[in-house]
Every structure is written in C-alpha cells, then in structure tokens.
PDB file of N, CA and C in Angstrom:
ATOM      1  N   PRO A   1      20.624   2.688 -68.311  1.00  0.00           N
ATOM      2  CA  PRO A   1      19.284   3.061 -67.872  1.00  0.00           C
ATOM      3  C   PRO A   1      19.260   4.369 -67.115  1.00  0.00           C
ATOM      4  N   PHE A   2      18.127   4.931 -67.016  1.00  0.00           N
ATOM      5  CA  PHE A   2      17.910   6.175 -66.305  1.00  0.00           C
ATOM      6  C   PHE A   2      16.940   5.913 -65.157  1.00  0.00           C
ATOM      7  N   TRP A   3      16.789   6.869 -64.255  1.00  0.00           N
ATOM      8  CA  TRP A   3      15.829   6.721 -63.169  1.00  0.00           C
ATOM      9  C   TRP A   3      14.451   6.496 -63.748  1.00  0.00           C
ATOM     10  N   ASN A   4      13.727   5.561 -63.174  1.00  0.00           N
ATOM     11  CA  ASN A   4      12.352   5.242 -63.569  1.00  0.00           C
ATOM     12  C   ASN A   4      12.241   4.786 -65.018  1.00  0.00           C
ATOM     13  N   GLU A   5      13.285   4.204 -65.554  1.00  0.00           N
ATOM     14  CA  GLU A   5      13.251   3.709 -66.919  1.00  0.00           C
ATOM     15  C   GLU A   5      12.565   2.344 -66.963  1.00  0.00           C
ATOM     16  N   LYS A   6      11.760   2.146 -68.000  1.00  0.00           N
ATOM     17  CA  LYS A   6      11.066   0.874 -68.186  1.00  0.00           C
ATOM     18  C   LYS A   6      11.858   0.049 -69.197  1.00  0.00           C
ATOM     19  N   LEU A   7      12.282  -1.134 -68.776  1.00  0.00           N
ATOM     20  CA  LEU A   7      13.012  -2.041 -69.649  1.00  0.00           C
ATOM     21  C   LEU A   7      12.166  -3.278 -69.880  1.00  0.00           C
ATOM     22  N   VAL A   8      12.149  -3.769 -71.117  1.00  0.00           N
ATOM     23  CA  VAL A   8      11.359  -4.946 -71.459  1.00  0.00           C
ATOM     24  C   VAL A   8      12.303  -6.034 -71.952  1.00  0.00           C
ATOM     25  N   PHE A   9      12.172  -7.217 -71.370  1.00  0.00           N
ATOM     26  CA  PHE A   9      12.963  -8.373 -71.773  1.00  0.00           C
ATOM     27  C   PHE A   9      12.005  -9.442 -72.287  1.00  0.00           C
ATOM     28  N   HIS A  10      12.343 -10.031 -73.404  1.00  0.00           N
ATOM     29  CA  HIS A  10      11.508 -11.088 -73.968  1.00  0.00           C
ATOM     30  C   HIS A  10      11.974 -12.435 -73.431  1.00  0.00           C
ATOM     31  N   VAL A  11      11.032 -13.220 -72.943  1.00  0.00           N
ATOM     32  CA  VAL A  11      11.311 -14.543 -72.393  1.00  0.00           C
ATOM     33  C   VAL A  11      10.751 -15.565 -73.374  1.00  0.00           C
ATOM     34  N   ASN A  12      11.634 -16.391 -73.938  1.00  0.00           N
ATOM     35  CA  ASN A  12      11.190 -17.374 -74.926  1.00  0.00           C
ATOM     36  C   ASN A  12      10.340 -18.483 -74.312  1.00  0.00           C
ATOM     37  N   ASP A  13      10.744 -18.982 -73.166  1.00  0.00           N
ATOM     38  CA  ASP A  13      10.034 -20.083 -72.525  1.00  0.00           C
ATOM     39  C   ASP A  13       9.733 -19.707 -71.081  1.00  0.00           C
ATOM     40  N   VAL A  14       8.494 -19.293 -70.826  1.00  0.00           N
ATOM     41  CA  VAL A  14       8.103 -18.845 -69.491  1.00  0.00           C
ATOM     42  C   VAL A  14       8.257 -19.964 -68.467  1.00  0.00           C
ATOM     43  N   ALA A  15       8.065 -21.213 -68.882  1.00  0.00           N
ATOM     44  CA  ALA A  15       8.200 -22.345 -67.959  1.00  0.00           C
ATOM     45  C   ALA A  15       9.632 -22.486 -67.449  1.00  0.00           C
ATOM     46  N   ASP A  16      10.591 -21.929 -68.183  1.00  0.00           N
ATOM     47  CA  ASP A  16      12.002 -21.994 -67.813  1.00  0.00           C
ATOM     48  C   ASP A  16      12.406 -20.872 -66.848  1.00  0.00           C
ATOM     49  N   LEU A  17      11.552 -19.874 -66.686  1.00  0.00           N
ATOM     50  CA  LEU A  17      11.875 -18.695 -65.881  1.00  0.00           C
ATOM     51  C   LEU A  17      12.269 -19.025 -64.435  1.00  0.00           C
ATOM     52  N   PRO A  18      11.596 -19.935 -63.739  1.00  0.00           N
ATOM     53  CA  PRO A  18      12.002 -20.233 -62.356  1.00  0.00           C
ATOM     54  C   PRO A  18      13.434 -20.769 -62.235  1.00  0.00           C
ATOM     55  N   TYR A  19      13.988 -21.238 -63.330  1.00  0.00           N
ATOM     56  CA  TYR A  19      15.349 -21.793 -63.314  1.00  0.00           C
ATOM     57  C   TYR A  19      16.384 -20.792 -63.816  1.00  0.00           C
ATOM     58  N   ARG A  20      15.966 -19.578 -64.045  1.00  0.00           N
ATOM     59  CA  ARG A  20      16.849 -18.525 -64.551  1.00  0.00           C
ATOM     60  C   ARG A  20      17.118 -17.490 -63.465  1.00  0.00           C
ATOM     61  N   THR A  21      18.182 -16.703 -63.667  1.00  0.00           N
ATOM     62  CA  THR A  21      18.532 -15.624 -62.752  1.00  0.00           C
ATOM     63  C   THR A  21      18.731 -14.350 -63.556  1.00  0.00           C
ATOM     64  N   LEU A  22      18.146 -13.270 -63.077  1.00  0.00           N
ATOM     65  CA  LEU A  22      18.342 -11.960 -63.677  1.00  0.00           C
ATOM     66  C   LEU A  22      19.440 -11.264 -62.889  1.00  0.00           C
ATOM     67  N   GLU A  23      20.485 -10.828 -63.578  1.00  0.00           N
ATOM     68  CA  GLU A  23      21.578 -10.120 -62.908  1.00  0.00           C
ATOM     69  C   GLU A  23      21.555  -8.668 -63.361  1.00  0.00           C
ATOM     70  N   VAL A  24      21.525  -7.773 -62.384  1.00  0.00           N
ATOM     71  CA  VAL A  24      21.507  -6.336 -62.656  1.00  0.00           C
ATOM     72  C   VAL A  24      22.788  -5.747 -62.083  1.00  0.00           C
ATOM     73  N   ASN A  25      23.613  -5.164 -62.947  1.00  0.00           N
ATOM     74  CA  ASN A  25      24.853  -4.500 -62.525  1.00  0.00           C
ATOM     75  C   ASN A  25      24.621  -3.000 -62.549  1.00  0.00           C
ATOM     76  N   ILE A  26      25.002  -2.329 -61.461  1.00  0.00           N
ATOM     77  CA  ILE A  26      24.768  -0.898 -61.310  1.00  0.00           C
ATOM     78  C   ILE A  26      26.092  -0.152 -61.403  1.00  0.00           C
ATOM     79  N   PHE A  27      26.117   0.865 -62.279  1.00  0.00           N
ATOM     80  CA  PHE A  27      27.302   1.697 -62.473  1.00  0.00           C
ATOM     81  C   PHE A  27      26.939   3.158 -62.301  1.00  0.00           C
ATOM     82  N   ASN A  28      27.903   3.958 -61.878  1.00  0.00           N
ATOM     83  CA  ASN A  28      27.782   5.408 -61.856  1.00  0.00           C
ATOM     84  C   ASN A  28      28.607   5.928 -63.021  1.00  0.00           C
ATOM     85  N   GLU A  29      27.928   6.507 -64.008  1.00  0.00           N
ATOM     86  CA  GLU A  29      28.641   7.015 -65.183  1.00  0.00           C
ATOM     87  C   GLU A  29      28.972   8.485 -64.999  1.00  0.00           C
ATOM     88  N   LYS A  30      30.219   8.823 -65.309  1.00  0.00           N
ATOM     89  CA  LYS A  30      30.672  10.209 -65.249  1.00  0.00           C
ATOM     90  C   LYS A  30      30.899  10.669 -66.679  1.00  0.00           C
ATOM     91  N   ARG A  31      30.007  11.503 -67.167  1.00  0.00           N
ATOM     92  CA  ARG A  31      30.088  11.954 -68.561  1.00  0.00           C
ATOM     93  C   ARG A  31      31.304  12.843 -68.806  1.00  0.00           C
ATOM     94  N   SER A  32      31.691  13.613 -67.803  1.00  0.00           N
ATOM     95  CA  SER A  32      32.803  14.546 -67.989  1.00  0.00           C
ATOM     96  C   SER A  32      34.113  13.808 -68.274  1.00  0.00           C
ATOM     97  N   THR A  33      34.313  12.652 -67.641  1.00  0.00           N
ATOM     98  CA  THR A  33      35.549  11.894 -67.850  1.00  0.00           C
ATOM     99  C   THR A  33      35.314  10.640 -68.689  1.00  0.00           C
ATOM    100  N   ASN A  34      34.057  10.434 -69.103  1.00  0.00           N
ATOM    101  CA  ASN A  34      33.699   9.274 -69.930  1.00  0.00           C
ATOM    102  C   ASN A  34      34.100   7.960 -69.245  1.00  0.00           C
ATOM    103  N   SER A  35      33.878   7.892 -67.926  1.00  0.00           N
ATOM    104  CA  SER A  35      34.224   6.692 -67.177  1.00  0.00           C
ATOM    105  C   SER A  35      33.011   6.232 -66.375  1.00  0.00           C
ATOM    106  N   ARG A  36      33.099   5.011 -65.855  1.00  0.00           N
ATOM    107  CA  ARG A  36      32.011   4.526 -65.024  1.00  0.00           C
ATOM    108  C   ARG A  36      32.567   3.692 -63.878  1.00  0.00           C
ATOM    109  N   ASN A  37      31.939   3.847 -62.734  1.00  0.00           N
ATOM    110  CA  ASN A  37      32.355   3.149 -61.520  1.00  0.00           C
ATOM    111  C   ASN A  37      31.303   2.103 -61.160  1.00  0.00           C
ATOM    112  N   PHE A  38      31.757   0.911 -60.873  1.00  0.00           N
ATOM    113  CA  PHE A  38      30.871  -0.166 -60.454  1.00  0.00           C
ATOM    114  C   PHE A  38      30.382   0.113 -59.043  1.00  0.00           C
ATOM    115  N   LEU A  39      29.055   0.084 -58.847  1.00  0.00           N
ATOM    116  CA  LEU A  39      28.480   0.322 -57.532  1.00  0.00           C
ATOM    117  C   LEU A  39      28.017  -0.957 -56.853  1.00  0.00           C
ATOM    118  N   GLY A  40      27.638  -1.933 -57.637  1.00  0.00           N
ATOM    119  CA  GLY A  40      27.180  -3.191 -57.064  1.00  0.00           C
ATOM    120  C   GLY A  40      26.325  -3.971 -58.036  1.00  0.00           C
ATOM    121  N   ARG A  41      25.881  -5.141 -57.565  1.00  0.00           N
ATOM    122  CA  ARG A  41      25.070  -5.994 -58.429  1.00  0.00           C
ATOM    123  C   ARG A  41      23.991  -6.661 -57.596  1.00  0.00           C
ATOM    124  N   VAL A  42      22.920  -7.036 -58.284  1.00  0.00           N
ATOM    125  CA  VAL A  42      21.816  -7.759 -57.670  1.00  0.00           C
ATOM    126  C   VAL A  42      21.521  -8.963 -58.549  1.00  0.00           C
ATOM    127  N   ARG A  43      21.339 -10.112 -57.917  1.00  0.00           N
ATOM    128  CA  ARG A  43      20.927 -11.323 -58.634  1.00  0.00           C
ATOM    129  C   ARG A  43      19.539 -11.691 -58.138  1.00  0.00           C
ATOM    130  N   ILE A  44      18.596 -11.818 -59.088  1.00  0.00           N
ATOM    131  CA  ILE A  44      17.203 -12.069 -58.737  1.00  0.00           C
ATOM    132  C   ILE A  44      16.755 -13.369 -59.389  1.00  0.00           C
ATOM    133  N   SER A  45      16.236 -14.253 -58.590  1.00  0.00           N
ATOM    134  CA  SER A  45      15.747 -15.534 -59.092  1.00  0.00           C
ATOM    135  C   SER A  45      14.493 -15.313 -59.939  1.00  0.00           C
ATOM    136  N   GLY A  46      14.420 -15.998 -61.055  1.00  0.00           N
ATOM    137  CA  GLY A  46      13.251 -15.906 -61.917  1.00  0.00           C
ATOM    138  C   GLY A  46      11.985 -16.367 -61.227  1.00  0.00           C
ATOM    139  N   SER A  47      12.122 -17.229 -60.231  1.00  0.00           N
ATOM    140  CA  SER A  47      10.950 -17.721 -59.510  1.00  0.00           C
ATOM    141  C   SER A  47      10.319 -16.643 -58.629  1.00  0.00           C
ATOM    142  N   SER A  48      11.041 -15.551 -58.368  1.00  0.00           N
ATOM    143  CA  SER A  48      10.503 -14.482 -57.532  1.00  0.00           C
ATOM    144  C   SER A  48       9.864 -13.359 -58.349  1.00  0.00           C
ATOM    145  N   ILE A  49       9.817 -13.490 -59.668  1.00  0.00           N
ATOM    146  CA  ILE A  49       9.217 -12.460 -60.514  1.00  0.00           C
ATOM    147  C   ILE A  49       7.701 -12.672 -60.548  1.00  0.00           C
ATOM    148  N   ALA A  50       6.965 -11.637 -60.179  1.00  0.00           N
ATOM    149  CA  ALA A  50       5.505 -11.714 -60.060  1.00  0.00           C
ATOM    150  C   ALA A  50       4.825 -11.646 -61.421  1.00  0.00           C
ATOM    151  N   LYS A  51       3.575 -12.049 -61.442  1.00  0.00           N
ATOM    152  CA  LYS A  51       2.751 -11.898 -62.637  1.00  0.00           C
ATOM    153  C   LYS A  51       2.238 -10.466 -62.681  1.00  0.00           C
ATOM    154  N   GLU A  52       1.938  -9.997 -63.886  1.00  0.00           N
ATOM    155  CA  GLU A  52       1.419  -8.642 -64.032  1.00  0.00           C
ATOM    156  C   GLU A  52       0.149  -8.483 -63.203  1.00  0.00           C
ATOM    157  N   GLY A  53       0.049  -7.370 -62.511  1.00  0.00           N
ATOM    158  CA  GLY A  53      -1.087  -7.116 -61.641  1.00  0.00           C
ATOM    159  C   GLY A  53      -0.780  -7.456 -60.194  1.00  0.00           C
ATOM    160  N   GLU A  54       0.222  -8.293 -59.977  1.00  0.00           N
ATOM    161  CA  GLU A  54       0.624  -8.678 -58.620  1.00  0.00           C
ATOM    162  C   GLU A  54       1.967  -8.071 -58.242  1.00  0.00           C
ATOM    163  N   GLU A  55       2.538  -7.284 -59.160  1.00  0.00           N
ATOM    164  CA  GLU A  55       3.879  -6.746 -58.933  1.00  0.00           C
ATOM    165  C   GLU A  55       3.868  -5.611 -57.926  1.00  0.00           C
ATOM    166  N   MET A  56       4.990  -5.470 -57.249  1.00  0.00           N
ATOM    167  CA  MET A  56       5.217  -4.339 -56.365  1.00  0.00           C
ATOM    168  C   MET A  56       6.719  -4.090 -56.291  1.00  0.00           C
ATOM    169  N   ALA A  57       7.079  -2.867 -56.014  1.00  0.00           N
ATOM    170  CA  ALA A  57       8.497  -2.517 -55.934  1.00  0.00           C
ATOM    171  C   ALA A  57       9.148  -3.284 -54.791  1.00  0.00           C
ATOM    172  N   GLN A  58      10.323  -3.833 -55.064  1.00  0.00           N
ATOM    173  CA  GLN A  58      11.096  -4.571 -54.070  1.00  0.00           C
ATOM    174  C   GLN A  58      12.432  -3.864 -53.883  1.00  0.00           C
ATOM    175  N   LEU A  59      12.907  -3.820 -52.670  1.00  0.00           N
ATOM    176  CA  LEU A  59      14.193  -3.212 -52.370  1.00  0.00           C
ATOM    177  C   LEU A  59      15.243  -4.305 -52.287  1.00  0.00           C
ATOM    178  N   TYR A  60      16.312  -4.150 -53.073  1.00  0.00           N
ATOM    179  CA  TYR A  60      17.394  -5.133 -53.118  1.00  0.00           C
ATOM    180  C   TYR A  60      18.684  -4.471 -52.659  1.00  0.00           C
ATOM    181  N   THR A  61      19.427  -5.155 -51.807  1.00  0.00           N
ATOM    182  CA  THR A  61      20.738  -4.676 -51.363  1.00  0.00           C
ATOM    183  C   THR A  61      21.771  -5.057 -52.417  1.00  0.00           C
ATOM    184  N   LEU A  62      22.611  -4.091 -52.789  1.00  0.00           N
ATOM    185  CA  LEU A  62      23.636  -4.345 -53.796  1.00  0.00           C
ATOM    186  C   LEU A  62      24.750  -5.213 -53.223  1.00  0.00           C
ATOM    187  N   ASP A  63      25.126  -6.246 -53.976  1.00  0.00           N
ATOM    188  CA  ASP A  63      26.305  -7.043 -53.624  1.00  0.00           C
ATOM    189  C   ASP A  63      27.544  -6.246 -53.997  1.00  0.00           C
ATOM    190  N   LYS A  64      28.545  -6.248 -53.129  1.00  0.00           N
ATOM    191  CA  LYS A  64      29.787  -5.533 -53.394  1.00  0.00           C
ATOM    192  C   LYS A  64      30.633  -6.294 -54.407  1.00  0.00           C
ATOM    193  N   ARG A  65      31.558  -5.575 -55.028  1.00  0.00           N
ATOM    194  CA  ARG A  65      32.489  -6.205 -55.958  1.00  0.00           C
ATOM    195  C   ARG A  65      33.423  -7.159 -55.218  1.00  0.00           C
ATOM    196  N   SER A  66      33.857  -6.734 -54.042  1.00  0.00           N
ATOM    197  CA  SER A  66      34.763  -7.573 -53.256  1.00  0.00           C
ATOM    198  C   SER A  66      34.496  -7.341 -51.769  1.00  0.00           C
ATOM    199  N   LEU A  67      35.090  -8.162 -50.967  1.00  0.00           N
ATOM    200  CA  LEU A  67      34.935  -8.075 -49.522  1.00  0.00           C
ATOM    201  C   LEU A  67      35.425  -6.734 -48.977  1.00  0.00           C
ATOM    202  N   PHE A  68      36.411  -6.146 -49.625  1.00  0.00           N
ATOM    203  CA  PHE A  68      37.030  -4.919 -49.132  1.00  0.00           C
ATOM    204  C   PHE A  68      36.410  -3.643 -49.700  1.00  0.00           C
ATOM    205  N   SER A  69      35.403  -3.770 -50.537  1.00  0.00           N
ATOM    206  CA  SER A  69      34.741  -2.605 -51.117  1.00  0.00           C
ATOM    207  C   SER A  69      33.965  -1.845 -50.045  1.00  0.00           C
ATOM    208  N   HIS A  70      34.058  -0.525 -50.059  1.00  0.00           N
ATOM    209  CA  HIS A  70      33.366   0.308 -49.086  1.00  0.00           C
ATOM    210  C   HIS A  70      32.040   0.839 -49.615  1.00  0.00           C
ATOM    211  N   ILE A  71      31.763   0.587 -50.885  1.00  0.00           N
ATOM    212  CA  ILE A  71      30.540   1.084 -51.498  1.00  0.00           C
ATOM    213  C   ILE A  71      29.366   0.209 -51.065  1.00  0.00           C
ATOM    214  N   ARG A  72      28.274   0.866 -50.627  1.00  0.00           N
ATOM    215  CA  ARG A  72      27.065   0.159 -50.227  1.00  0.00           C
ATOM    216  C   ARG A  72      25.878   0.833 -50.891  1.00  0.00           C
ATOM    217  N   GLY A  73      24.809   0.085 -51.043  1.00  0.00           N
ATOM    218  CA  GLY A  73      23.624   0.709 -51.609  1.00  0.00           C
ATOM    219  C   GLY A  73      22.490  -0.268 -51.801  1.00  0.00           C
ATOM    220  N   GLU A  74      21.376   0.276 -52.230  1.00  0.00           N
ATOM    221  CA  GLU A  74      20.185  -0.498 -52.508  1.00  0.00           C
ATOM    222  C   GLU A  74      19.567   0.013 -53.797  1.00  0.00           C
ATOM    223  N   ILE A  75      18.763  -0.822 -54.405  1.00  0.00           N
ATOM    224  CA  ILE A  75      18.030  -0.423 -55.598  1.00  0.00           C
ATOM    225  C   ILE A  75      16.617  -0.972 -55.485  1.00  0.00           C
ATOM    226  N   SER A  76      15.673  -0.182 -55.913  1.00  0.00           N
ATOM    227  CA  SER A  76      14.277  -0.594 -55.900  1.00  0.00           C
ATOM    228  C   SER A  76      13.882  -0.951 -57.334  1.00  0.00           C
ATOM    229  N   LEU A  77      13.362  -2.161 -57.507  1.00  0.00           N
ATOM    230  CA  LEU A  77      12.949  -2.631 -58.829  1.00  0.00           C
ATOM    231  C   LEU A  77      11.539  -3.182 -58.752  1.00  0.00           C
ATOM    232  N   LYS A  78      10.774  -2.948 -59.807  1.00  0.00           N
ATOM    233  CA  LYS A  78       9.455  -3.560 -59.936  1.00  0.00           C
ATOM    234  C   LYS A  78       9.524  -4.484 -61.141  1.00  0.00           C
ATOM    235  N   LEU A  79       9.521  -5.782 -60.872  1.00  0.00           N
ATOM    236  CA  LEU A  79       9.643  -6.785 -61.929  1.00  0.00           C
ATOM    237  C   LEU A  79       8.341  -7.560 -62.041  1.00  0.00           C
ATOM    238  N   TYR A  80       7.901  -7.789 -63.278  1.00  0.00           N
ATOM    239  CA  TYR A  80       6.713  -8.610 -63.467  1.00  0.00           C
ATOM    240  C   TYR A  80       6.719  -9.252 -64.843  1.00  0.00           C
ATOM    241  N   LEU A  81       6.006 -10.338 -64.934  1.00  0.00           N
ATOM    242  CA  LEU A  81       5.881 -11.098 -66.172  1.00  0.00           C
ATOM    243  C   LEU A  81       4.583 -10.692 -66.837  1.00  0.00           C
ATOM    244  N   SER A  82       4.680 -10.250 -68.074  1.00  0.00           N
ATOM    245  CA  SER A  82       3.498  -9.812 -68.819  1.00  0.00           C
ATOM    246  C   SER A  82       3.357 -10.644 -70.082  1.00  0.00           C
ATOM    247  N   SER A  83       2.147 -11.003 -70.403  1.00  0.00           N
ATOM    248  CA  SER A  83       1.891 -11.720 -71.654  1.00  0.00           C
ATOM    249  C   SER A  83       1.189 -10.828 -72.659  1.00  0.00           C
ATOM    250  N   ARG A  84       1.129  -9.545 -72.366  1.00  0.00           N
ATOM    251  CA  ARG A  84       0.441  -8.599 -73.256  1.00  0.00           C
ATOM    252  C   ARG A  84       1.232  -8.404 -74.536  1.00  0.00           C
ATOM    253  N   GLU A  85       0.537  -8.412 -75.651  1.00  0.00           N
ATOM    254  CA  GLU A  85       1.188  -8.188 -76.941  1.00  0.00           C
ATOM    255  C   GLU A  85       1.508  -6.719 -77.153  1.00  0.00           C
ATOM    256  N   ASP A  86       0.736  -5.815 -76.527  1.00  0.00           N
ATOM    257  CA  ASP A  86       0.982  -4.390 -76.735  1.00  0.00           C
ATOM    258  C   ASP A  86       2.306  -3.951 -76.134  1.00  0.00           C
ATOM    259  N   VAL A  87       2.847  -4.695 -75.178  1.00  0.00           N
ATOM    260  CA  VAL A  87       4.179  -4.380 -74.639  1.00  0.00           C
ATOM    261  C   VAL A  87       5.209  -4.551 -75.739  1.00  0.00           C
ATOM    262  N   GLU A  88       5.067  -5.609 -76.542  1.00  0.00           N
ATOM    263  CA  GLU A  88       6.001  -5.846 -77.638  1.00  0.00           C
ATOM    264  C   GLU A  88       5.892  -4.742 -78.686  1.00  0.00           C
ATOM    265  N   ILE A  89       4.679  -4.323 -79.012  1.00  0.00           N
ATOM    266  CA  ILE A  89       4.484  -3.252 -79.992  1.00  0.00           C
ATOM    267  C   ILE A  89       5.089  -1.955 -79.468  1.00  0.00           C
ATOM    268  N   GLU A  90       4.834  -1.637 -78.184  1.00  0.00           N
ATOM    269  CA  GLU A  90       5.404  -0.464 -77.538  1.00  0.00           C
ATOM    270  C   GLU A  90       6.928  -0.482 -77.615  1.00  0.00           C
ATOM    271  N   THR A  91       7.517  -1.627 -77.342  1.00  0.00           N
ATOM    272  CA  THR A  91       8.970  -1.787 -77.356  1.00  0.00           C
ATOM    273  C   THR A  91       9.524  -1.560 -78.751  1.00  0.00           C
ATOM    274  N   LYS A  92       8.874  -2.124 -79.756  1.00  0.00           N
ATOM    275  CA  LYS A  92       9.339  -1.954 -81.141  1.00  0.00           C
ATOM    276  C   LYS A  92       9.308  -0.491 -81.532  1.00  0.00           C
ATOM    277  N   GLN A  93       8.273   0.243 -81.099  1.00  0.00           N
ATOM    278  CA  GLN A  93       8.188   1.664 -81.417  1.00  0.00           C
ATOM    279  C   GLN A  93       9.338   2.426 -80.774  1.00  0.00           C
ATOM    280  N   VAL A  94       9.672   2.116 -79.530  1.00  0.00           N
ATOM    281  CA  VAL A  94      10.784   2.779 -78.840  1.00  0.00           C
ATOM    282  C   VAL A  94      12.098   2.441 -79.533  1.00  0.00           C
ATOM    283  N   ILE A  95      12.299   1.163 -79.879  1.00  0.00           N
ATOM    284  CA  ILE A  95      13.530   0.744 -80.543  1.00  0.00           C
ATOM    285  C   ILE A  95      13.657   1.418 -81.904  1.00  0.00           C
ATOM    286  N   ASN A  96      12.582   1.423 -82.683  1.00  0.00           N
ATOM    287  CA  ASN A  96      12.621   2.057 -84.001  1.00  0.00           C
ATOM    288  C   ASN A  96      12.906   3.547 -83.887  1.00  0.00           C
ATOM    289  N   SER A  97      12.337   4.190 -82.888  1.00  0.00           N
ATOM    290  CA  SER A  97      12.560   5.612 -82.674  1.00  0.00           C
ATOM    291  C   SER A  97      14.020   5.883 -82.336  1.00  0.00           C
ATOM    292  N   SER A  98      14.605   5.073 -81.452  1.00  0.00           N
ATOM    293  CA  SER A  98      15.991   5.307 -81.059  1.00  0.00           C
ATOM    294  C   SER A  98      16.947   4.976 -82.195  1.00  0.00           C
ATOM    295  N   VAL A  99      16.619   3.972 -83.020  1.00  0.00           N
ATOM    296  CA  VAL A  99      17.469   3.643 -84.161  1.00  0.00           C
ATOM    297  C   VAL A  99      17.443   4.766 -85.181  1.00  0.00           C
ATOM    298  N   SER A 100      16.261   5.308 -85.467  1.00  0.00           N
ATOM    299  CA  SER A 100      16.192   6.381 -86.451  1.00  0.00           C
ATOM    300  C   SER A 100      16.880   7.648 -85.942  1.00  0.00           C
ATOM    301  N   ASN A 101      16.823   7.890 -84.639  1.00  0.00           N
ATOM    302  CA  ASN A 101      17.528   9.046 -84.070  1.00  0.00           C
ATOM    303  C   ASN A 101      19.032   8.869 -84.138  1.00  0.00           C
ATOM    304  N   SER A 102      19.522   7.665 -83.868  1.00  0.00           N
ATOM    305  CA  SER A 102      20.956   7.465 -83.839  1.00  0.00           C
ATOM    306  C   SER A 102      21.533   7.411 -85.256  1.00  0.00           C
ATOM    307  N   THR A 103      20.772   6.882 -86.225  1.00  0.00           N
ATOM    308  CA  THR A 103      21.301   6.808 -87.575  1.00  0.00           C
ATOM    309  C   THR A 103      21.180   8.145 -88.290  1.00  0.00           C
ATOM    310  N   GLY A 104      20.318   9.020 -87.791  1.00  0.00           N
ATOM    311  CA  GLY A 104      20.127  10.304 -88.441  1.00  0.00           C
ATOM    312  C   GLY A 104      21.153  11.342 -88.033  1.00  0.00           C
ATOM    313  N   SER A 105      22.115  10.994 -87.212  1.00  0.00           N
ATOM    314  CA  SER A 105      23.076  11.980 -86.732  1.00  0.00           C
ATOM    315  C   SER A 105      24.456  11.785 -87.354  1.00  0.00           C
ATOM    316  N   GLY A 106      24.494  11.296 -88.562  1.00  0.00           N
ATOM    317  CA  GLY A 106      25.777  11.077 -89.232  1.00  0.00           C
ATOM    318  C   GLY A 106      26.422  12.386 -89.652  1.00  0.00           C
ATOM    319  N   SER A 107      27.679  12.322 -90.057  1.00  0.00           N
ATOM    320  CA  SER A 107      28.396  13.526 -90.445  1.00  0.00           C
ATOM    321  C   SER A 107      28.017  13.935 -91.872  1.00  0.00           C
ATOM    322  N   LYS A 108      28.119  15.229 -92.130  1.00  0.00           N
ATOM    323  CA  LYS A 108      27.820  15.740 -93.467  1.00  0.00           C
ATOM    324  C   LYS A 108      29.051  15.569 -94.338  1.00  0.00           C
ATOM    325  N   GLY A 109      28.800  15.228 -95.602  1.00  0.00           N
ATOM    326  CA  GLY A 109      29.989  15.032 -96.403  1.00  0.00           C
ATOM    327  C   GLY A 109      29.763  15.343 -97.770  1.00  0.00           C
TER     328      GLY A 109
END
C-alpha cells in the first residue's frame, strides 16, 4: 500500500464480522536493495469497525515484533463497513486496470 491508499475487502457474512480480527502488518520497503523491514502490526476487532457515514480516522499503536525491538510507531486508519454496490464496481475497474497494465509489459520476442 501507499500513503492514503484505499483498500476494499469483501465480507461474505457481515453478521460474522464482530467475531473476526483484521491484522495489518506494516513494512518499510527499500527499493534500492529490494528488501523490507518489519515495523509493526495492528490487530483490530471486527466489532470496532464503524458503519459507513459514522467512520473516523483512528490512531493505532504498532505492536512490536518482540519485546526487545526498538522500533515504535503508530498508524492512522479509517475503517468502515459499506454495503454500496458501486464500491465493488470501482474495485473491479481498479483491478482490471492494474491487470491490463501488468500483463501488457511482457518482453518482446
């Protein structure tokens, strides 16, 4: 993901959401060395996800990888449950666009 990136997840059974946990792992990617460093993780209960229109950005403290890790940080996320069908259409357009871009970059032969 990138800063301010919108991610859409499809939930098959909304009634099951309060019993689920969303886990977000944060990495720092270094393109020059093609490596990534783990910065932390956040676990969010599905019962704390707001309905669309009631959402607001929440600040979450990153859990460290281990007790001895010196890395600290926070992440701000705005999570909400939407039943809008246009979100699905929007998502399909983004997915189709990225698939056509990635498949169109093959080698010439």
